[in-house]
Amino acid sequence: MFNCVPHVRRHMECLRPAAWIAIDDESSLWTADERRGRLVATNGCLGLMAPAAQDRLTTALRGHSGLGKAEGP
C-alpha cells in the first residue's frame, strides 16, 4: 500500500494553498489538525461510493472553497 501523506505534506509546504482537502482511507496517518475539516476519510473498499463519504466530501468542499453550494432562490 502506498502512503501518500508525506508526499502531500511536501506539496503543501511548497505551494502553501489557502484551502485544501484530502481523500484517504488511512485516516490514522494524518495529524489531528489535518483530519479536522480537511480529510475525507473513506472505507478502503467503498471509497467515495459510500454515501457517508460523499456527504463528508460535500461538507469539506462547502467549508473550504464554496464549491458544492446549492443553487436556488
PDB file of N, CA and C in Angstrom:
ATOM      1  N   MET A   1       0.844  -1.175   0.000  1.00  0.00           N
ATOM      2  CA  MET A   1       0.000   0.000   0.000  1.00  0.00           C
ATOM      3  C   MET A   1       0.894   1.244   0.000  1.00  0.00           C
ATOM      4  N   PHE A   2       0.531   2.232  -0.760  1.00  0.00           N
ATOM      5  CA  PHE A   2       1.290   3.476  -0.886  1.00  0.00           C
ATOM      6  C   PHE A   2       0.826   4.481   0.166  1.00  0.00           C
ATOM      7  N   ASN A   3       1.766   5.016   0.933  1.00  0.00           N
ATOM      8  CA  ASN A   3       1.467   6.050   1.922  1.00  0.00           C
ATOM      9  C   ASN A   3       1.669   7.411   1.264  1.00  0.00           C
ATOM     10  N   CYS A   4       0.577   8.078   0.927  1.00  0.00           N
ATOM     11  CA  CYS A   4       0.655   9.351   0.206  1.00  0.00           C
ATOM     12  C   CYS A   4       0.851  10.554   1.121  1.00  0.00           C
ATOM     13  N   VAL A   5       0.695  10.385   2.427  1.00  0.00           N
ATOM     14  CA  VAL A   5       0.719  11.521   3.352  1.00  0.00           C
ATOM     15  C   VAL A   5       2.023  12.314   3.265  1.00  0.00           C
ATOM     16  N   PRO A   6       3.209  11.701   3.309  1.00  0.00           N
ATOM     17  CA  PRO A   6       4.437  12.505   3.206  1.00  0.00           C
ATOM     18  C   PRO A   6       4.516  13.307   1.904  1.00  0.00           C
ATOM     19  N   HIS A   7       4.074  12.708   0.812  1.00  0.00           N
ATOM     20  CA  HIS A   7       4.076  13.402  -0.478  1.00  0.00           C
ATOM     21  C   HIS A   7       3.145  14.617  -0.443  1.00  0.00           C
ATOM     22  N   VAL A   8       1.968  14.445   0.114  1.00  0.00           N
ATOM     23  CA  VAL A   8       1.008  15.549   0.210  1.00  0.00           C
ATOM     24  C   VAL A   8       1.568  16.651   1.101  1.00  0.00           C
ATOM     25  N   ARG A   9       2.179  16.285   2.219  1.00  0.00           N
ATOM     26  CA  ARG A   9       2.752  17.290   3.125  1.00  0.00           C
ATOM     27  C   ARG A   9       3.844  18.097   2.425  1.00  0.00           C
ATOM     28  N   ARG A  10       4.711  17.438   1.662  1.00  0.00           N
ATOM     29  CA  ARG A  10       5.755  18.173   0.927  1.00  0.00           C
ATOM     30  C   ARG A  10       5.126  19.132  -0.086  1.00  0.00           C
ATOM     31  N   HIS A  11       4.106  18.671  -0.752  1.00  0.00           N
ATOM     32  CA  HIS A  11       3.393  19.504  -1.724  1.00  0.00           C
ATOM     33  C   HIS A  11       2.794  20.730  -1.024  1.00  0.00           C
ATOM     34  N   MET A  12       2.198  20.515   0.138  1.00  0.00           N
ATOM     35  CA  MET A  12       1.576  21.606   0.892  1.00  0.00           C
ATOM     36  C   MET A  12       2.627  22.620   1.344  1.00  0.00           C
ATOM     37  N   GLU A  13       3.767  22.134   1.815  1.00  0.00           N
ATOM     38  CA  GLU A  13       4.838  23.035   2.263  1.00  0.00           C
ATOM     39  C   GLU A  13       5.365  23.884   1.112  1.00  0.00           C
ATOM     40  N   CYS A  14       5.441  23.312  -0.053  1.00  0.00           N
ATOM     41  CA  CYS A  14       5.967  24.017  -1.216  1.00  0.00           C
ATOM     42  C   CYS A  14       4.976  25.051  -1.760  1.00  0.00           C
ATOM     43  N   LEU A  15       3.730  24.643  -1.926  1.00  0.00           N
ATOM     44  CA  LEU A  15       2.732  25.515  -2.562  1.00  0.00           C
ATOM     45  C   LEU A  15       1.933  26.382  -1.588  1.00  0.00           C
ATOM     46  N   ARG A  16       1.796  25.933  -0.345  1.00  0.00           N
ATOM     47  CA  ARG A  16       1.053  26.655   0.690  1.00  0.00           C
ATOM     48  C   ARG A  16      -0.329  27.141   0.219  1.00  0.00           C
ATOM     49  N   PRO A  17      -1.176  26.220  -0.216  1.00  0.00           N
ATOM     50  CA  PRO A  17      -2.513  26.633  -0.666  1.00  0.00           C
ATOM     51  C   PRO A  17      -3.346  27.155   0.506  1.00  0.00           C
ATOM     52  N   ALA A  18      -4.237  28.072   0.226  1.00  0.00           N
ATOM     53  CA  ALA A  18      -5.102  28.643   1.265  1.00  0.00           C
ATOM     54  C   ALA A  18      -6.109  27.612   1.765  1.00  0.00           C
ATOM     55  N   ALA A  19      -6.552  26.744   0.895  1.00  0.00           N
ATOM     56  CA  ALA A  19      -7.545  25.729   1.274  1.00  0.00           C
ATOM     57  C   ALA A  19      -7.204  24.425   0.561  1.00  0.00           C
ATOM     58  N   TRP A  20      -7.425  23.325   1.252  1.00  0.00           N
ATOM     59  CA  TRP A  20      -7.164  22.032   0.646  1.00  0.00           C
ATOM     60  C   TRP A  20      -7.946  20.959   1.379  1.00  0.00           C
ATOM     61  N   ILE A  21      -8.185  19.853   0.684  1.00  0.00           N
ATOM     62  CA  ILE A  21      -8.770  18.663   1.291  1.00  0.00           C
ATOM     63  C   ILE A  21      -8.033  17.453   0.747  1.00  0.00           C
ATOM     64  N   ALA A  22      -8.096  16.372   1.489  1.00  0.00           N
ATOM     65  CA  ALA A  22      -7.505  15.108   1.052  1.00  0.00           C
ATOM     66  C   ALA A  22      -8.555  14.019   1.212  1.00  0.00           C
ATOM     67  N   ILE A  23      -8.528  13.056   0.325  1.00  0.00           N
ATOM     68  CA  ILE A  23      -9.417  11.894   0.391  1.00  0.00           C
ATOM     69  C   ILE A  23      -8.509  10.691   0.595  1.00  0.00           C
ATOM     70  N   ASP A  24      -8.706   9.972   1.696  1.00  0.00           N
ATOM     71  CA  ASP A  24      -7.796   8.872   2.017  1.00  0.00           C
ATOM     72  C   ASP A  24      -8.517   7.820   2.851  1.00  0.00           C
ATOM     73  N   ASP A  25      -8.114   6.582   2.693  1.00  0.00           N
ATOM     74  CA  ASP A  25      -8.689   5.509   3.507  1.00  0.00           C
ATOM     75  C   ASP A  25      -7.783   5.131   4.678  1.00  0.00           C
ATOM     76  N   GLU A  26      -6.722   5.889   4.894  1.00  0.00           N
ATOM     77  CA  GLU A  26      -5.806   5.669   6.015  1.00  0.00           C
ATOM     78  C   GLU A  26      -5.792   6.903   6.911  1.00  0.00           C
ATOM     79  N   SER A  27      -6.887   7.167   7.586  1.00  0.00           N
ATOM     80  CA  SER A  27      -7.009   8.392   8.374  1.00  0.00           C
ATOM     81  C   SER A  27      -6.030   8.456   9.534  1.00  0.00           C
ATOM     82  N   SER A  28      -5.551   7.320  10.027  1.00  0.00           N
ATOM     83  CA  SER A  28      -4.633   7.320  11.165  1.00  0.00           C
ATOM     84  C   SER A  28      -3.270   7.920  10.824  1.00  0.00           C
ATOM     85  N   LEU A  29      -2.957   8.069   9.552  1.00  0.00           N
ATOM     86  CA  LEU A  29      -1.672   8.622   9.134  1.00  0.00           C
ATOM     87  C   LEU A  29      -1.645  10.146   9.147  1.00  0.00           C
ATOM     88  N   TRP A  30      -2.796  10.768   9.310  1.00  0.00           N
ATOM     89  CA  TRP A  30      -2.916  12.220   9.288  1.00  0.00           C
ATOM     90  C   TRP A  30      -2.948  12.760  10.716  1.00  0.00           C
ATOM     91  N   THR A  31      -2.419  13.971  10.908  1.00  0.00           N
ATOM     92  CA  THR A  31      -2.462  14.589  12.233  1.00  0.00           C
ATOM     93  C   THR A  31      -3.892  15.019  12.555  1.00  0.00           C
ATOM     94  N   ALA A  32      -4.147  15.283  13.821  1.00  0.00           N
ATOM     95  CA  ALA A  32      -5.487  15.724  14.230  1.00  0.00           C
ATOM     96  C   ALA A  32      -5.874  17.005  13.504  1.00  0.00           C
ATOM     97  N   ASP A  33      -4.937  17.927  13.329  1.00  0.00           N
ATOM     98  CA  ASP A  33      -5.237  19.178  12.626  1.00  0.00           C
ATOM     99  C   ASP A  33      -5.585  18.920  11.164  1.00  0.00           C
ATOM    100  N   GLU A  34      -4.866  18.012  10.541  1.00  0.00           N
ATOM    101  CA  GLU A  34      -5.141  17.685   9.140  1.00  0.00           C
ATOM    102  C   GLU A  34      -6.488  16.989   8.991  1.00  0.00           C
ATOM    103  N   ARG A  35      -6.821  16.140   9.945  1.00  0.00           N
ATOM    104  CA  ARG A  35      -8.105  15.423   9.882  1.00  0.00           C
ATOM    105  C   ARG A  35      -9.280  16.366  10.103  1.00  0.00           C
ATOM    106  N   ARG A  36      -9.091  17.388  10.889  1.00  0.00           N
ATOM    107  CA  ARG A  36     -10.174  18.301  11.246  1.00  0.00           C
ATOM    108  C   ARG A  36     -10.570  19.167  10.051  1.00  0.00           C
ATOM    109  N   GLY A  37     -11.617  18.783   9.380  1.00  0.00           N
ATOM    110  CA  GLY A  37     -12.155  19.589   8.299  1.00  0.00           C
ATOM    111  C   GLY A  37     -11.442  19.471   6.962  1.00  0.00           C
ATOM    112  N   ARG A  38     -10.312  18.744   6.918  1.00  0.00           N
ATOM    113  CA  ARG A  38      -9.566  18.657   5.666  1.00  0.00           C
ATOM    114  C   ARG A  38      -9.539  17.255   5.093  1.00  0.00           C
ATOM    115  N   LEU A  39      -9.695  16.269   5.950  1.00  0.00           N
ATOM    116  CA  LEU A  39      -9.599  14.891   5.481  1.00  0.00           C
ATOM    117  C   LEU A  39     -10.983  14.292   5.285  1.00  0.00           C
ATOM    118  N   VAL A  40     -11.197  13.757   4.106  1.00  0.00           N
ATOM    119  CA  VAL A  40     -12.404  12.982   3.837  1.00  0.00           C
ATOM    120  C   VAL A  40     -11.970  11.524   3.964  1.00  0.00           C
ATOM    121  N   ALA A  41     -12.253  10.951   5.130  1.00  0.00           N
ATOM    122  CA  ALA A  41     -11.864   9.567   5.384  1.00  0.00           C
ATOM    123  C   ALA A  41     -12.850   8.638   4.680  1.00  0.00           C
ATOM    124  N   THR A  42     -12.316   7.644   4.009  1.00  0.00           N
ATOM    125  CA  THR A  42     -13.161   6.707   3.271  1.00  0.00           C
ATOM    126  C   THR A  42     -12.871   5.275   3.701  1.00  0.00           C
ATOM    127  N   ASN A  43     -13.767   4.406   3.366  1.00  0.00           N
ATOM    128  CA  ASN A  43     -13.588   2.974   3.541  1.00  0.00           C
ATOM    129  C   ASN A  43     -12.695   2.498   2.401  1.00  0.00           C
ATOM    130  N   GLY A  44     -11.719   1.648   2.715  1.00  0.00           N
ATOM    131  CA  GLY A  44     -10.779   1.188   1.700  1.00  0.00           C
ATOM    132  C   GLY A  44     -11.412   0.451   0.535  1.00  0.00           C
ATOM    133  N   CYS A  45     -12.554  -0.168   0.757  1.00  0.00           N
ATOM    134  CA  CYS A  45     -13.221  -0.917  -0.318  1.00  0.00           C
ATOM    135  C   CYS A  45     -14.244  -0.065  -1.064  1.00  0.00           C
ATOM    136  N   LEU A  46     -14.984   0.741  -0.334  1.00  0.00           N
ATOM    137  CA  LEU A  46     -16.065   1.517  -0.955  1.00  0.00           C
ATOM    138  C   LEU A  46     -15.620   2.875  -1.478  1.00  0.00           C
ATOM    139  N   GLY A  47     -14.625   3.478  -0.858  1.00  0.00           N
ATOM    140  CA  GLY A  47     -14.166   4.795  -1.287  1.00  0.00           C
ATOM    141  C   GLY A  47     -15.297   5.813  -1.297  1.00  0.00           C
ATOM    142  N   LEU A  48     -15.364   6.599  -2.359  1.00  0.00           N
ATOM    143  CA  LEU A  48     -16.393   7.636  -2.467  1.00  0.00           C
ATOM    144  C   LEU A  48     -17.744   7.091  -2.933  1.00  0.00           C
ATOM    145  N   MET A  49     -17.845   5.791  -3.098  1.00  0.00           N
ATOM    146  CA  MET A  49     -19.150   5.206  -3.418  1.00  0.00           C
ATOM    147  C   MET A  49     -20.037   5.160  -2.171  1.00  0.00           C
ATOM    148  N   ALA A  50     -19.437   5.242  -0.989  1.00  0.00           N
ATOM    149  CA  ALA A  50     -20.198   5.219   0.259  1.00  0.00           C
ATOM    150  C   ALA A  50     -20.903   6.563   0.446  1.00  0.00           C
ATOM    151  N   PRO A  51     -22.206   6.566   0.693  1.00  0.00           N
ATOM    152  CA  PRO A  51     -22.933   7.820   0.877  1.00  0.00           C
ATOM    153  C   PRO A  51     -22.347   8.709   1.981  1.00  0.00           C
ATOM    154  N   ALA A  52     -21.866   8.120   3.067  1.00  0.00           N
ATOM    155  CA  ALA A  52     -21.288   8.929   4.148  1.00  0.00           C
ATOM    156  C   ALA A  52     -20.033   9.658   3.674  1.00  0.00           C
ATOM    157  N   ALA A  53     -19.222   9.008   2.852  1.00  0.00           N
ATOM    158  CA  ALA A  53     -18.024   9.647   2.310  1.00  0.00           C
ATOM    159  C   ALA A  53     -18.403  10.775   1.355  1.00  0.00           C
ATOM    160  N   GLN A  54     -19.442  10.572   0.569  1.00  0.00           N
ATOM    161  CA  GLN A  54     -19.920  11.622  -0.328  1.00  0.00           C
ATOM    162  C   GLN A  54     -20.397  12.827   0.476  1.00  0.00           C
ATOM    163  N   ASP A  55     -21.092  12.584   1.573  1.00  0.00           N
ATOM    164  CA  ASP A  55     -21.550  13.673   2.437  1.00  0.00           C
ATOM    165  C   ASP A  55     -20.369  14.430   3.034  1.00  0.00           C
ATOM    166  N   ARG A  56     -19.346  13.691   3.496  1.00  0.00           N
ATOM    167  CA  ARG A  56     -18.163  14.346   4.071  1.00  0.00           C
ATOM    168  C   ARG A  56     -17.438  15.184   3.016  1.00  0.00           C
ATOM    169  N   LEU A  57     -17.361  14.680   1.791  1.00  0.00           N
ATOM    170  CA  LEU A  57     -16.713  15.433   0.722  1.00  0.00           C
ATOM    171  C   LEU A  57     -17.487  16.711   0.413  1.00  0.00           C
ATOM    172  N   THR A  58     -18.799  16.613   0.313  1.00  0.00           N
ATOM    173  CA  THR A  58     -19.625  17.800   0.057  1.00  0.00           C
ATOM    174  C   THR A  58     -19.445  18.833   1.158  1.00  0.00           C
ATOM    175  N   THR A  59     -19.438  18.381   2.405  1.00  0.00           N
ATOM    176  CA  THR A  59     -19.251  19.288   3.537  1.00  0.00           C
ATOM    177  C   THR A  59     -17.880  19.947   3.482  1.00  0.00           C
ATOM    178  N   ALA A  60     -16.847  19.172   3.177  1.00  0.00           N
ATOM    179  CA  ALA A  60     -15.495  19.718   3.093  1.00  0.00           C
ATOM    180  C   ALA A  60     -15.385  20.746   1.970  1.00  0.00           C
ATOM    181  N   LEU A  61     -15.973  20.455   0.820  1.00  0.00           N
ATOM    182  CA  LEU A  61     -15.923  21.395  -0.300  1.00  0.00           C
ATOM    183  C   LEU A  61     -16.655  22.688   0.032  1.00  0.00           C
ATOM    184  N   ARG A  62     -17.780  22.572   0.664  1.00  0.00           N
ATOM    185  CA  ARG A  62     -18.520  23.780   1.054  1.00  0.00           C
ATOM    186  C   ARG A  62     -17.719  24.610   2.047  1.00  0.00           C
ATOM    187  N   GLY A  63     -17.059  23.956   2.970  1.00  0.00           N
ATOM    188  CA  GLY A  63     -16.327  24.663   4.021  1.00  0.00           C
ATOM    189  C   GLY A  63     -15.057  25.303   3.557  1.00  0.00           C
ATOM    190  N   HIS A  64     -14.417  24.771   2.520  1.00  0.00           N
ATOM    191  CA  HIS A  64     -13.096  25.266   2.132  1.00  0.00           C
ATOM    192  C   HIS A  64     -13.054  26.086   0.861  1.00  0.00           C
ATOM    193  N   SER A  65     -14.021  25.901  -0.013  1.00  0.00           N
ATOM    194  CA  SER A  65     -13.888  26.610  -1.286  1.00  0.00           C
ATOM    195  C   SER A  65     -15.175  27.218  -1.802  1.00  0.00           C
ATOM    196  N   GLY A  66     -16.259  26.979  -1.094  1.00  0.00           N
ATOM    197  CA  GLY A  66     -17.526  27.481  -1.577  1.00  0.00           C
ATOM    198  C   GLY A  66     -18.148  26.609  -2.629  1.00  0.00           C
ATOM    199  N   LEU A  67     -17.439  25.546  -3.039  1.00  0.00           N
ATOM    200  CA  LEU A  67     -17.992  24.638  -4.036  1.00  0.00           C
ATOM    201  C   LEU A  67     -19.068  23.779  -3.411  1.00  0.00           C
ATOM    202  N   GLY A  68     -19.968  23.328  -4.219  1.00  0.00           N
ATOM    203  CA  GLY A  68     -20.996  22.420  -3.746  1.00  0.00           C
ATOM    204  C   GLY A  68     -22.182  23.117  -3.114  1.00  0.00           C
ATOM    205  N   LYS A  69     -22.184  24.444  -3.093  1.00  0.00           N
ATOM    206  CA  LYS A  69     -23.324  25.149  -2.521  1.00  0.00           C
ATOM    207  C   LYS A  69     -24.537  24.998  -3.415  1.00  0.00           C
ATOM    208  N   ALA A  70     -25.646  24.843  -2.784  1.00  0.00           N
ATOM    209  CA  ALA A  70     -26.879  24.653  -3.548  1.00  0.00           C
ATOM    210  C   ALA A  70     -27.253  25.938  -4.263  1.00  0.00           C
ATOM    211  N   GLU A  71     -27.632  25.824  -5.492  1.00  0.00           N
ATOM    212  CA  GLU A  71     -28.126  26.955  -6.266  1.00  0.00           C
ATOM    213  C   GLU A  71     -29.635  27.033  -6.074  1.00  0.00           C
ATOM    214  N   GLY A  72     -30.147  28.178  -6.075  1.00  0.00           N
ATOM    215  CA  GLY A  72     -31.591  28.283  -5.968  1.00  0.00           C
ATOM    216  C   GLY A  72     -32.030  29.646  -5.491  1.00  0.00           C
ATOM    217  N   PRO A  73     -33.357  29.802  -5.355  1.00  0.00           N
ATOM    218  CA  PRO A  73     -33.903  31.108  -4.975  1.00  0.00           C
ATOM    219  C   PRO A  73     -33.592  31.493  -3.564  1.00  0.00           C
TER     220      PRO A  73
END
